[in-house]
């Protein structure tokens, strides 16, 4: 996300206060207004980890010579 959401009551940028993981690869991002303390929650899908998964695969076995 590029910028935090704007509070519609105070017209200022909210502050990210928590990110909570949920089921099915989603997160709940919670933003709070520092002036009126109103809460804004945004559900986002987590980024794919396919490129990271490849790093954890077993490397191919090589025949060694002794």
Protein backbone atom coordinates (compact mmCIF):
# COMPACT_ATOMS: atom_id res chain seq x y z
CA UNK A 1 0.00 0.00 0.00
CA UNK A 2 1.48 3.35 -1.02
CA UNK A 3 -0.04 5.65 1.60
CA UNK A 4 -2.11 5.32 4.73
CA UNK A 5 -5.84 6.06 4.44
CA UNK A 6 -7.08 9.54 5.30
CA UNK A 7 -9.51 10.05 8.20
CA UNK A 8 -12.76 11.38 6.73
CA UNK A 9 -13.60 13.28 9.94
CA UNK A 10 -10.22 14.98 10.53
CA UNK A 11 -8.73 14.93 7.01
CA UNK A 12 -5.35 13.65 8.25
CA UNK A 13 -3.39 10.50 7.47
CA UNK A 14 -4.07 7.55 9.76
CA UNK A 15 -1.33 5.52 11.46
CA UNK A 16 -0.91 1.78 10.96
CA UNK A 17 -1.30 0.21 14.42
CA UNK A 18 -1.49 -3.52 13.67
CA UNK A 19 -1.45 -6.24 11.04
CA UNK A 20 -3.30 -9.42 11.97
CA UNK A 21 -3.00 -12.58 9.86
CA UNK A 22 -6.22 -14.40 9.02
CA UNK A 23 -7.13 -17.57 7.18
CA UNK A 24 -6.79 -18.02 3.44
CA UNK A 25 -3.65 -15.88 3.06
CA UNK A 26 -5.27 -12.58 4.07
CA UNK A 27 -4.26 -9.94 6.62
CA UNK A 28 -6.28 -7.28 8.45
CA UNK A 29 -4.45 -3.95 8.54
CA UNK A 30 -5.74 -1.64 11.27
CA UNK A 31 -5.22 2.12 11.00
CA UNK A 32 -6.05 4.67 13.70
CA UNK A 33 -6.57 8.43 13.51
CA UNK A 34 -4.29 10.18 16.01
CA UNK A 35 -6.84 12.97 16.51
CA UNK A 36 -10.26 11.34 16.87
CA UNK A 37 -9.01 7.75 17.48
CA UNK A 38 -11.38 6.27 14.89
CA UNK A 39 -10.33 2.90 13.48
CA UNK A 40 -10.17 1.85 9.82
CA UNK A 41 -9.65 -1.83 8.98
CA UNK A 42 -8.51 -3.05 5.59
CA UNK A 43 -8.41 -6.71 4.52
CA UNK A 44 -5.59 -7.43 2.07
CA UNK A 45 -4.37 -10.56 0.36
CA UNK A 46 -0.82 -11.54 1.27
CA UNK A 47 1.80 -11.40 -1.44
CA UNK A 48 2.65 -14.69 -3.09
CA UNK A 49 5.70 -16.44 -1.70
CA UNK A 50 6.34 -18.60 -4.74
CA UNK A 51 9.79 -17.12 -5.31
CA UNK A 52 10.66 -17.63 -1.63
CA UNK A 53 9.40 -21.22 -1.69
CA UNK A 54 11.99 -22.12 -4.31
CA UNK A 55 14.80 -21.14 -1.94
CA UNK A 56 13.68 -23.76 0.58
CA UNK A 57 13.52 -26.67 -1.83
CA UNK A 58 16.18 -29.32 -1.58
CA UNK A 59 19.06 -28.68 -3.97
CA UNK A 60 19.60 -31.36 -6.61
CA UNK A 61 21.84 -34.17 -5.48
CA UNK A 62 25.14 -34.48 -7.29
CA UNK A 63 27.14 -37.61 -7.67
CA UNK A 64 30.47 -37.06 -5.98
CA UNK A 65 33.72 -38.82 -6.70
CA UNK A 66 36.03 -40.03 -3.96
